Amino acid sequence: MRFPRLFTRSSPEPTTPAYDTYYDQFSNAANVAGVSVNANTAEGISAVYACIAAISETVGSLPLDVYRDTDKGREKAKTHPLYKILHAEPNGYQTALEFREQMQRHVLLRGNAYAEIVWSKAGRVEALLPLHPDRVTVLKTHDGKLVYETADSEGRTRRLLADEVLHLRYHSDDGILGRSPITVARDTVGLALAERTHGAKMFEQGTKLSGVIETPPGTTKEQAGQIRESWSTGQSGVANHGKTAVLPQGATFKTVSMTLEDADWIAARRLSIVECCRLFRVPPVMVADMEAANYSNVVELARFFVTNTLRRHLVMWEQAINRACITNPAFFVEHNVEGLLRGDSLTRAQFYERSLADGWMLKSEVRRIENLPTIEGIDDEAEETPPEDAGAPPARAGLDSGREAEEEDAA
């Protein structure tokens, strides 16, 4: 009799491809353009590292508040147990910024981020413990529920139910496992790595291009080897750059490789920055590529970063936490991005002036947005009493009546 399997893998491919990375160096499956492409090597590209840092640092530092629905709208629920976890201390060894930054980096580098939810006996979240994605395998039960199998540093495994794991996914194909931009666009990252390696080798060899040394007829194999070793010792390496080379009598050196100008290496390196920014949807100005930036569009590029880059990640966090960590539908979490969307001082002053004039904002709300102290009674409207003196029009009328009287006396 054949029994049905209780658990099946959510994907036919292993979901922990980098847990044991020892054999990765012997595998050519991940090689692109002659280099190995994975989460660790991709971070060696400055543009990739900067894109990941720009997103993860911003997401980790944004205020993530817990709100309660009320009859008048909503209000912050500072007494909710989750408020302290998201604001100060998610576990016993991390701050809230460190925890959220780490989780966001896992999402961008590996497509998935996992955190174990520690529940109290009263059904409240007590802690969030991050789990490395390379040590988590997602399984599916026969009735379609997910089970997370985790392994510790000593190789011991345990299984967590779906309501015990906070799972963040990025660009999932099957709705279970996410995909990272590095995995999807492996060729693009591999090309950038190859260009960086090419430049490093160029300087390692003293900025001298490879070539051949032609020797006169009759040169033995041993003599040719001595000439090659002598050339390598005296000319390779940055420290030997610019030294005068001396060849044996009758020998000549001929370059056989392309120059950097022929290969457009510098232009290709610049294009790699733009390509990496495209993968993560980050404006190049956010990774210190100021070629297309100027004073007039920096503010708009920062606003583009919030609305087109961060928005997807922020909504992912909010919906995942609301689904996995909050049991009462009257509560929800939401990021505060007002500080990132604020423009320069003149633009904000014009915005506040118009909102106050139209009557849909109060002065106290403006001060709260600008993080200014509260002033009691600032919203009270002072009653303005029109002056009894009518001003210029009555004076004009008096002059006209005087002229009329003078004309009557003259008549």
Protein backbone atom coordinates (compact mmCIF):
# COMPACT_ATOMS: atom_id res chain seq x y z
CA MET A 1 0.00 0.00 0.00
CA ARG A 2 1.36 3.41 -0.98
CA PHE A 3 0.88 6.31 1.40
CA PRO A 4 0.56 9.88 0.13
CA ARG A 5 3.36 12.31 0.90
CA LEU A 6 2.55 14.79 3.63
CA PHE A 7 4.98 17.45 2.37
CA THR A 8 6.18 18.44 -1.09
CA ARG A 9 8.64 21.09 -2.18
CA SER A 10 7.07 24.31 -3.34
CA SER A 11 9.48 24.32 -6.27
CA PRO A 12 11.24 21.50 -8.15
CA GLU A 13 14.48 23.47 -7.72
CA PRO A 14 16.17 23.61 -4.31
CA THR A 15 15.05 26.65 -2.35
CA THR A 16 18.33 26.83 -0.44
CA PRO A 17 20.86 27.15 -3.28
CA ALA A 18 23.51 28.94 -1.26
CA TYR A 19 23.25 27.23 2.13
CA ASP A 20 26.42 25.21 1.49
CA THR A 21 28.51 27.46 -0.75
CA TYR A 22 31.65 25.32 -0.78
CA TYR A 23 30.85 23.55 -4.04
CA ASP A 24 29.69 26.72 -5.77
CA GLN A 25 33.28 27.55 -6.71
CA PHE A 26 33.54 24.29 -8.68
CA SER A 27 30.24 24.72 -10.52
CA ASN A 28 30.03 26.47 -13.88
CA ALA A 29 26.24 26.68 -13.87
CA ALA A 30 26.25 30.15 -12.36
CA ASN A 31 29.12 31.47 -14.50
CA VAL A 32 28.30 34.33 -16.85
CA ALA A 33 30.93 36.11 -18.96
CA GLY A 34 33.58 34.00 -17.24
CA VAL A 35 32.66 35.07 -13.68
CA SER A 36 30.51 33.53 -10.96
CA VAL A 37 27.28 35.42 -10.29
CA ASN A 38 25.57 35.09 -6.92
CA ALA A 39 24.35 37.32 -4.12
CA ASN A 40 27.82 37.68 -2.63
CA THR A 41 29.70 38.48 -5.83
CA ALA A 42 26.98 40.83 -7.08
CA GLU A 43 27.44 43.05 -4.02
CA GLY A 44 31.00 43.60 -5.18
CA ILE A 45 29.62 45.86 -7.91
CA SER A 46 29.44 49.34 -6.45
CA ALA A 47 26.22 50.20 -8.31
CA VAL A 48 24.45 47.06 -7.03
CA TYR A 49 25.63 47.72 -3.48
CA ALA A 50 24.54 51.36 -3.68
CA CYS A 51 21.08 50.47 -5.04
CA ILE A 52 20.50 47.90 -2.31
CA ALA A 53 21.78 50.31 0.35
CA ALA A 54 19.58 53.16 -0.91
CA ILE A 55 16.42 51.04 -0.72
CA SER A 56 17.15 49.05 2.44
CA GLU A 57 18.46 51.99 4.48
CA THR A 58 15.48 54.14 3.55
CA VAL A 59 12.92 51.42 4.25
CA GLY A 60 14.60 50.57 7.54
CA SER A 61 14.68 54.18 8.74
CA LEU A 62 11.14 55.20 7.80
CA PRO A 63 8.64 55.41 10.68
CA LEU A 64 6.35 52.35 10.66
CA ASP A 65 3.35 53.16 12.85
CA VAL A 66 0.49 51.05 14.18
CA TYR A 67 -2.92 52.72 13.73
CA ARG A 68 -6.40 52.08 15.09
CA ASP A 69 -9.57 52.75 13.11
CA THR A 70 -11.92 55.13 14.95
CA ASP A 71 -15.21 56.86 14.24
CA LYS A 72 -13.32 60.06 13.43
CA GLY A 73 -10.77 58.39 11.18
CA ARG A 74 -7.67 56.83 12.70
CA GLU A 75 -5.18 57.34 15.50
CA LYS A 76 -1.80 55.94 16.47
CA ALA A 77 -2.01 52.87 18.70
CA LYS A 78 1.11 53.39 20.80
CA THR A 79 -0.09 50.91 23.41
CA HIS A 80 -0.32 48.05 20.91
CA PRO A 81 2.34 45.35 21.57
CA LEU A 82 3.49 45.48 17.96
CA TYR A 83 4.22 49.21 18.17
CA LYS A 84 7.32 48.73 20.33
CA ILE A 85 8.54 45.81 18.20
CA LEU A 86 8.37 47.82 14.97
CA HIS A 87 9.69 51.04 16.51
CA ALA A 88 12.37 50.02 18.98
CA GLU A 89 13.25 46.38 19.60
CA PRO A 90 11.99 43.48 17.44
CA ASN A 91 14.17 40.99 19.32
CA GLY A 92 16.82 40.82 22.02
CA TYR A 93 19.82 41.68 19.83
CA GLN A 94 18.61 44.08 17.09
CA THR A 95 17.11 47.51 16.78
CA ALA A 96 14.11 48.09 14.56
CA LEU A 97 16.26 49.75 11.90
CA GLU A 98 18.77 46.90 11.83
CA PHE A 99 16.03 44.28 11.59
CA ARG A 100 14.08 45.93 8.77
CA GLU A 101 17.26 46.84 6.87
CA GLN A 102 18.47 43.23 7.04
CA MET A 103 15.11 41.87 5.89
CA GLN A 104 14.97 44.33 2.98
CA ARG A 105 18.49 43.37 1.89
CA HIS A 106 17.43 39.71 1.86
CA VAL A 107 14.48 40.60 -0.37
CA LEU A 108 16.66 42.44 -2.89
CA LEU A 109 19.57 40.00 -2.91
CA ARG A 110 17.68 36.70 -2.68
CA GLY A 111 14.07 37.51 -3.47
CA ASN A 112 12.76 36.32 -0.09
CA ALA A 113 12.99 37.40 3.52
CA TYR A 114 11.86 35.35 6.51
CA ALA A 115 11.35 36.16 10.17
CA GLU A 116 10.09 33.83 12.86
CA ILE A 117 7.11 35.22 14.77
CA VAL A 118 7.29 34.49 18.48
CA TRP A 119 3.74 34.45 19.89
CA SER A 120 2.85 34.77 23.55
CA LYS A 121 0.23 32.59 25.24
CA ALA A 122 -2.15 35.54 25.02
CA GLY A 123 -1.84 35.59 21.21
CA ARG A 124 0.41 38.66 20.98
CA VAL A 125 3.63 39.05 19.02
CA GLU A 126 6.57 39.06 21.42
CA ALA A 127 9.49 39.09 18.98
CA LEU A 128 10.50 38.85 15.33
CA LEU A 129 13.61 36.73 14.69
CA PRO A 130 15.20 37.03 11.22
CA LEU A 131 15.97 33.80 9.37
CA HIS A 132 18.59 33.67 6.64
CA PRO A 133 16.92 32.79 3.31
CA ASP A 134 19.69 30.33 2.46
CA ARG A 135 18.68 28.27 5.50
CA VAL A 136 14.95 28.12 4.79
CA THR A 137 13.15 25.61 2.59
CA VAL A 138 9.48 26.18 1.77
CA LEU A 139 7.32 23.04 1.75
CA LYS A 140 3.69 22.60 0.81
CA THR A 141 1.27 20.20 2.50
CA HIS A 142 -1.24 18.04 0.66
CA ASP A 143 -3.98 20.59 1.42
CA GLY A 144 -1.97 23.52 0.02
CA LYS A 145 -0.67 25.05 3.26
CA LEU A 146 2.92 26.19 3.58
CA VAL A 147 5.48 24.87 6.03
CA TYR A 148 8.90 26.45 6.52
CA GLU A 149 11.81 24.14 7.25
CA THR A 150 14.74 26.03 8.81
CA ALA A 151 18.27 24.89 9.57
CA ASP A 152 20.57 26.35 12.21
CA SER A 153 24.32 26.82 11.99
CA GLU A 154 24.89 23.26 13.19
CA GLY A 155 22.61 21.72 10.57
CA ARG A 156 19.68 20.89 12.86
CA THR A 157 16.31 21.45 11.20
CA ARG A 158 12.89 22.34 12.52
CA ARG A 159 9.59 23.20 10.88
CA LEU A 160 7.45 26.30 11.36
CA LEU A 161 3.84 26.78 10.34
CA ALA A 162 2.78 29.60 8.05
CA ASP A 163 1.40 31.70 10.92
CA GLU A 164 4.79 31.51 12.63
CA VAL A 165 6.71 33.12 9.77
CA LEU A 166 6.71 36.65 8.34
CA HIS A 167 7.49 36.05 4.66
CA LEU A 168 8.36 38.91 2.27
CA ARG A 169 8.45 38.07 -1.45
CA TYR A 170 9.77 39.99 -4.45
CA HIS A 171 8.47 39.39 -7.99
CA SER A 172 7.18 35.88 -7.39
CA ASP A 173 6.36 33.53 -10.26
CA ASP A 174 4.32 30.98 -8.31
CA GLY A 175 3.10 33.11 -5.40
CA ILE A 176 5.23 31.14 -2.95
CA LEU A 177 8.85 32.03 -3.64
CA GLY A 178 10.17 35.39 -4.75
CA ARG A 179 12.89 36.14 -7.27
CA SER A 180 15.71 38.63 -6.92
CA PRO A 181 16.81 40.99 -9.73
CA ILE A 182 20.25 39.39 -9.55
CA THR A 183 18.82 35.97 -10.38
CA VAL A 184 16.53 37.20 -13.14
CA ALA A 185 19.13 39.43 -14.83
CA ARG A 186 22.15 37.25 -14.21
CA ASP A 187 23.71 38.16 -17.58
CA THR A 188 23.60 41.88 -16.85
CA VAL A 189 25.25 41.45 -13.46
CA GLY A 190 27.79 39.03 -14.93
CA LEU A 191 28.80 41.55 -17.60
CA ALA A 192 29.35 44.23 -14.95
CA LEU A 193 31.45 41.80 -12.92
CA ALA A 194 33.50 40.88 -16.00
CA GLU A 195 34.16 44.55 -16.77
CA ARG A 196 35.30 45.16 -13.20
CA THR A 197 37.55 42.09 -13.30
CA HIS A 198 38.99 43.23 -16.62
CA GLY A 199 39.92 46.60 -15.18
CA ALA A 200 41.42 45.03 -12.06
CA LYS A 201 43.56 42.68 -14.13
CA MET A 202 44.70 45.58 -16.28
CA PHE A 203 46.08 47.44 -13.27
CA GLU A 204 47.38 44.22 -11.75
CA GLN A 205 49.54 43.80 -14.84
CA GLY A 206 50.83 47.34 -14.62
CA THR A 207 48.34 48.74 -17.17
CA LYS A 208 50.36 46.89 -19.82
CA LEU A 209 48.36 44.96 -22.39
CA SER A 210 49.16 41.38 -23.26
CA GLY A 211 51.30 40.62 -26.27
CA VAL A 212 54.05 38.38 -27.64
CA ILE A 213 57.83 38.62 -27.56
CA GLU A 214 59.38 37.58 -30.85
CA THR A 215 62.88 36.13 -30.47
CA PRO A 216 65.45 35.47 -33.18
CA PRO A 217 65.75 31.97 -34.67
CA GLY A 218 67.63 29.48 -32.55
CA THR A 219 66.12 30.48 -29.19
CA THR A 220 65.67 27.41 -27.02
CA LYS A 221 62.62 26.64 -24.90
CA GLU A 222 64.54 27.35 -21.71
CA GLN A 223 65.72 30.71 -23.01
CA ALA A 224 62.18 31.63 -24.04
CA GLY A 225 60.94 30.78 -20.56
CA GLN A 226 63.62 32.94 -18.95
CA ILE A 227 62.70 35.88 -21.19
CA ARG A 228 59.00 35.52 -20.30
CA GLU A 229 59.71 35.34 -16.57
CA SER A 230 62.07 38.30 -16.76
CA TRP A 231 59.45 40.38 -18.55
CA SER A 232 56.72 39.40 -16.09
CA THR A 233 58.90 40.20 -13.08
CA GLY A 234 60.04 43.57 -14.35
CA GLN A 235 56.84 44.85 -15.99
CA SER A 236 53.75 43.34 -14.28
CA GLY A 237 52.11 45.00 -11.30
CA VAL A 238 51.17 48.60 -10.62
CA ALA A 239 54.49 49.24 -8.85
CA ASN A 240 56.36 48.52 -12.11
CA HIS A 241 54.24 50.79 -14.26
CA GLY A 242 56.33 53.19 -16.33
CA LYS A 243 59.60 51.27 -16.02
CA THR A 244 61.70 50.90 -19.13
CA ALA A 245 61.68 47.40 -20.53
CA VAL A 246 64.89 45.78 -21.76
CA LEU A 247 64.64 42.89 -24.23
CA PRO A 248 67.39 40.46 -25.27
CA GLN A 249 69.28 41.20 -28.46
CA GLY A 250 67.08 40.62 -31.51
CA ALA A 251 63.83 40.26 -29.55
CA THR A 252 60.79 42.49 -30.19
CA PHE A 253 57.49 42.99 -28.31
CA LYS A 254 54.20 43.15 -30.22
CA THR A 255 50.79 43.93 -28.67
CA VAL A 256 48.04 41.54 -29.72
CA SER A 257 45.11 42.61 -27.53
CA MET A 258 42.64 45.49 -27.76
CA THR A 259 43.26 48.76 -25.97
CA LEU A 260 40.72 50.08 -23.49
CA GLU A 261 39.75 52.69 -26.05
CA ASP A 262 39.06 49.96 -28.61
CA ALA A 263 36.97 48.07 -26.11
CA ASP A 264 35.13 51.24 -24.91
CA TRP A 265 35.78 50.05 -21.38
CA ILE A 266 35.02 53.35 -19.67
CA ALA A 267 31.75 53.81 -21.57
CA ALA A 268 30.77 50.22 -20.81
CA ARG A 269 31.45 50.77 -17.11
CA ARG A 270 29.21 53.82 -17.14
CA LEU A 271 26.48 51.85 -18.91
CA SER A 272 26.75 49.12 -16.26
CA ILE A 273 25.78 51.67 -13.61
CA VAL A 274 22.63 52.54 -15.52
CA GLU A 275 21.84 48.85 -16.13
CA CYS A 276 22.14 48.02 -12.42
CA CYS A 277 19.92 50.99 -11.55
CA ARG A 278 17.31 49.68 -13.99
CA LEU A 279 17.24 46.31 -12.25
CA PHE A 280 16.33 47.89 -8.93
CA ARG A 281 14.35 50.83 -10.41
CA VAL A 282 16.60 53.36 -8.67
CA PRO A 283 17.36 56.77 -10.23
CA PRO A 284 21.12 56.95 -10.98
CA VAL A 285 21.37 60.12 -8.91
CA MET A 286 20.58 58.02 -5.81
CA VAL A 287 23.80 56.02 -6.33
CA ALA A 288 25.94 59.15 -6.81
CA ASP A 289 25.83 59.13 -10.62
CA MET A 290 25.34 62.87 -11.09
CA GLU A 291 25.77 62.96 -14.88
CA ALA A 292 22.08 63.72 -15.55
CA ALA A 293 21.35 65.51 -12.28
CA ASN A 294 21.08 69.24 -11.71
CA TYR A 295 19.66 71.56 -9.09
CA SER A 296 16.28 71.81 -10.78
CA ASN A 297 15.50 68.08 -10.96
CA VAL A 298 17.11 66.59 -7.85
CA VAL A 299 13.94 67.12 -5.79
CA GLU A 300 11.80 65.49 -8.49
CA LEU A 301 14.20 62.55 -8.76
CA ALA A 302 13.95 62.03 -5.01
CA ARG A 303 10.14 62.10 -5.28
CA PHE A 304 10.37 59.59 -8.15
CA PHE A 305 12.44 57.35 -5.88
CA VAL A 306 9.67 57.33 -3.28
CA THR A 307 6.69 56.87 -5.58
CA ASN A 308 8.17 54.46 -8.13
CA THR A 309 10.88 52.59 -6.21
CA LEU A 310 9.98 52.50 -2.53
CA ARG A 311 6.21 52.30 -2.81
CA ARG A 312 6.17 48.65 -3.86
CA HIS A 313 8.47 47.62 -0.99
CA LEU A 314 6.58 49.67 1.60
CA VAL A 315 3.23 48.17 0.60
CA MET A 316 4.83 44.70 0.72
CA TRP A 317 5.89 45.30 4.33
CA GLU A 318 2.54 46.73 5.38
CA GLN A 319 0.41 43.99 3.86
CA ALA A 320 2.68 41.19 5.12
CA ILE A 321 2.64 42.51 8.70
CA ASN A 322 -1.12 43.15 8.64
CA ARG A 323 -1.68 39.61 7.43
CA ALA A 324 0.76 37.72 9.67
CA CYS A 325 1.12 39.77 12.87
CA ILE A 326 -2.21 41.52 13.49
CA THR A 327 -5.27 39.53 14.50
CA ASN A 328 -7.66 42.43 15.18
CA PRO A 329 -8.89 44.02 11.91
CA ALA A 330 -9.33 47.37 13.69
CA PHE A 331 -5.53 47.78 13.73
CA PHE A 332 -3.14 48.18 10.81
CA VAL A 333 0.40 49.40 10.10
CA GLU A 334 1.49 52.07 7.66
CA HIS A 335 4.72 53.91 6.82
CA ASN A 336 5.06 57.65 7.16
CA VAL A 337 6.72 58.97 3.98
CA GLU A 338 5.76 62.60 4.44
CA GLY A 339 9.33 63.57 5.27
CA LEU A 340 10.65 62.08 2.00
CA LEU A 341 8.00 63.78 -0.13
CA ARG A 342 8.58 67.24 1.29
CA GLY A 343 10.08 69.65 -1.21
CA ASP A 344 12.23 72.70 -0.58
CA SER A 345 11.24 75.44 1.87
CA LEU A 346 9.64 77.70 -0.75
CA THR A 347 7.52 74.88 -2.21
CA ARG A 348 6.33 73.79 1.23
CA ALA A 349 5.48 77.39 2.20
CA GLN A 350 3.38 77.82 -0.94
CA PHE A 351 1.64 74.49 -0.34
CA TYR A 352 0.77 75.35 3.26
CA GLU A 353 -0.40 78.83 2.31
CA ARG A 354 -2.80 77.43 -0.28
CA SER A 355 -4.08 74.68 2.04
CA LEU A 356 -4.75 77.18 4.85
CA ALA A 357 -6.47 79.59 2.50
CA ASP A 358 -8.72 76.84 1.10
CA GLY A 359 -9.56 75.70 4.62
CA TRP A 360 -8.70 71.99 4.37
CA MET A 361 -5.74 72.22 6.76
CA LEU A 362 -5.26 73.83 10.17
CA LYS A 363 -2.24 75.73 11.43
CA SER A 364 -1.74 73.11 14.13
CA GLU A 365 -1.55 70.40 11.44
CA VAL A 366 1.08 72.38 9.54
CA ARG A 367 3.20 72.71 12.68
CA ARG A 368 2.84 68.99 13.41
CA ILE A 369 4.01 68.08 9.89
CA GLU A 370 7.01 70.39 10.28
CA ASN A 371 7.81 68.84 13.71
CA LEU A 372 7.26 72.15 15.49
CA PRO A 373 5.96 72.41 19.09
CA THR A 374 2.23 72.77 19.65
CA ILE A 375 0.80 76.23 20.34
CA GLU A 376 -2.45 76.27 22.26
CA GLY A 377 -5.29 78.11 20.56
CA ILE A 378 -3.47 78.62 17.27
CA ASP A 379 -6.53 77.35 15.38
CA ASP A 380 -8.94 79.74 17.07
CA GLU A 381 -10.15 82.32 14.58
CA ALA A 382 -10.06 85.86 15.91
CA GLU A 383 -13.22 87.80 15.21
CA GLU A 384 -12.47 90.79 13.12
CA THR A 385 -14.74 93.85 13.71
CA PRO A 386 -14.94 96.18 10.72
CA PRO A 387 -13.95 99.77 11.60
CA GLU A 388 -16.68 102.34 12.03
CA ASP A 389 -14.82 104.84 9.84
CA ALA A 390 -15.81 104.04 6.29
CA GLY A 391 -12.47 105.18 4.94
CA ALA A 392 -11.88 106.78 1.57
CA PRO A 393 -15.35 106.39 0.02
CA PRO A 394 -17.11 108.40 2.79
CA ALA A 395 -14.43 111.08 2.58
CA ARG A 396 -14.96 111.25 -1.15
CA ALA A 397 -18.67 111.64 -0.57
CA GLY A 398 -18.04 114.50 1.88
CA LEU A 399 -15.91 116.33 -0.65
CA ASP A 400 -18.54 115.96 -3.34
CA SER A 401 -21.27 117.30 -1.05
CA GLY A 402 -19.04 120.27 -0.13
CA ARG A 403 -18.47 121.11 -3.76
CA GLU A 404 -22.18 121.00 -4.42
CA ALA A 405 -22.80 123.48 -1.56
CA GLU A 406 -20.16 125.86 -2.87
CA GLU A 407 -21.71 125.76 -6.36
CA GLU A 408 -25.14 126.59 -4.90
CA ASP A 409 -23.72 129.60 -2.97
CA ALA A 410 -21.97 130.88 -6.11
CA ALA A 411 -25.16 130.62 -8.05
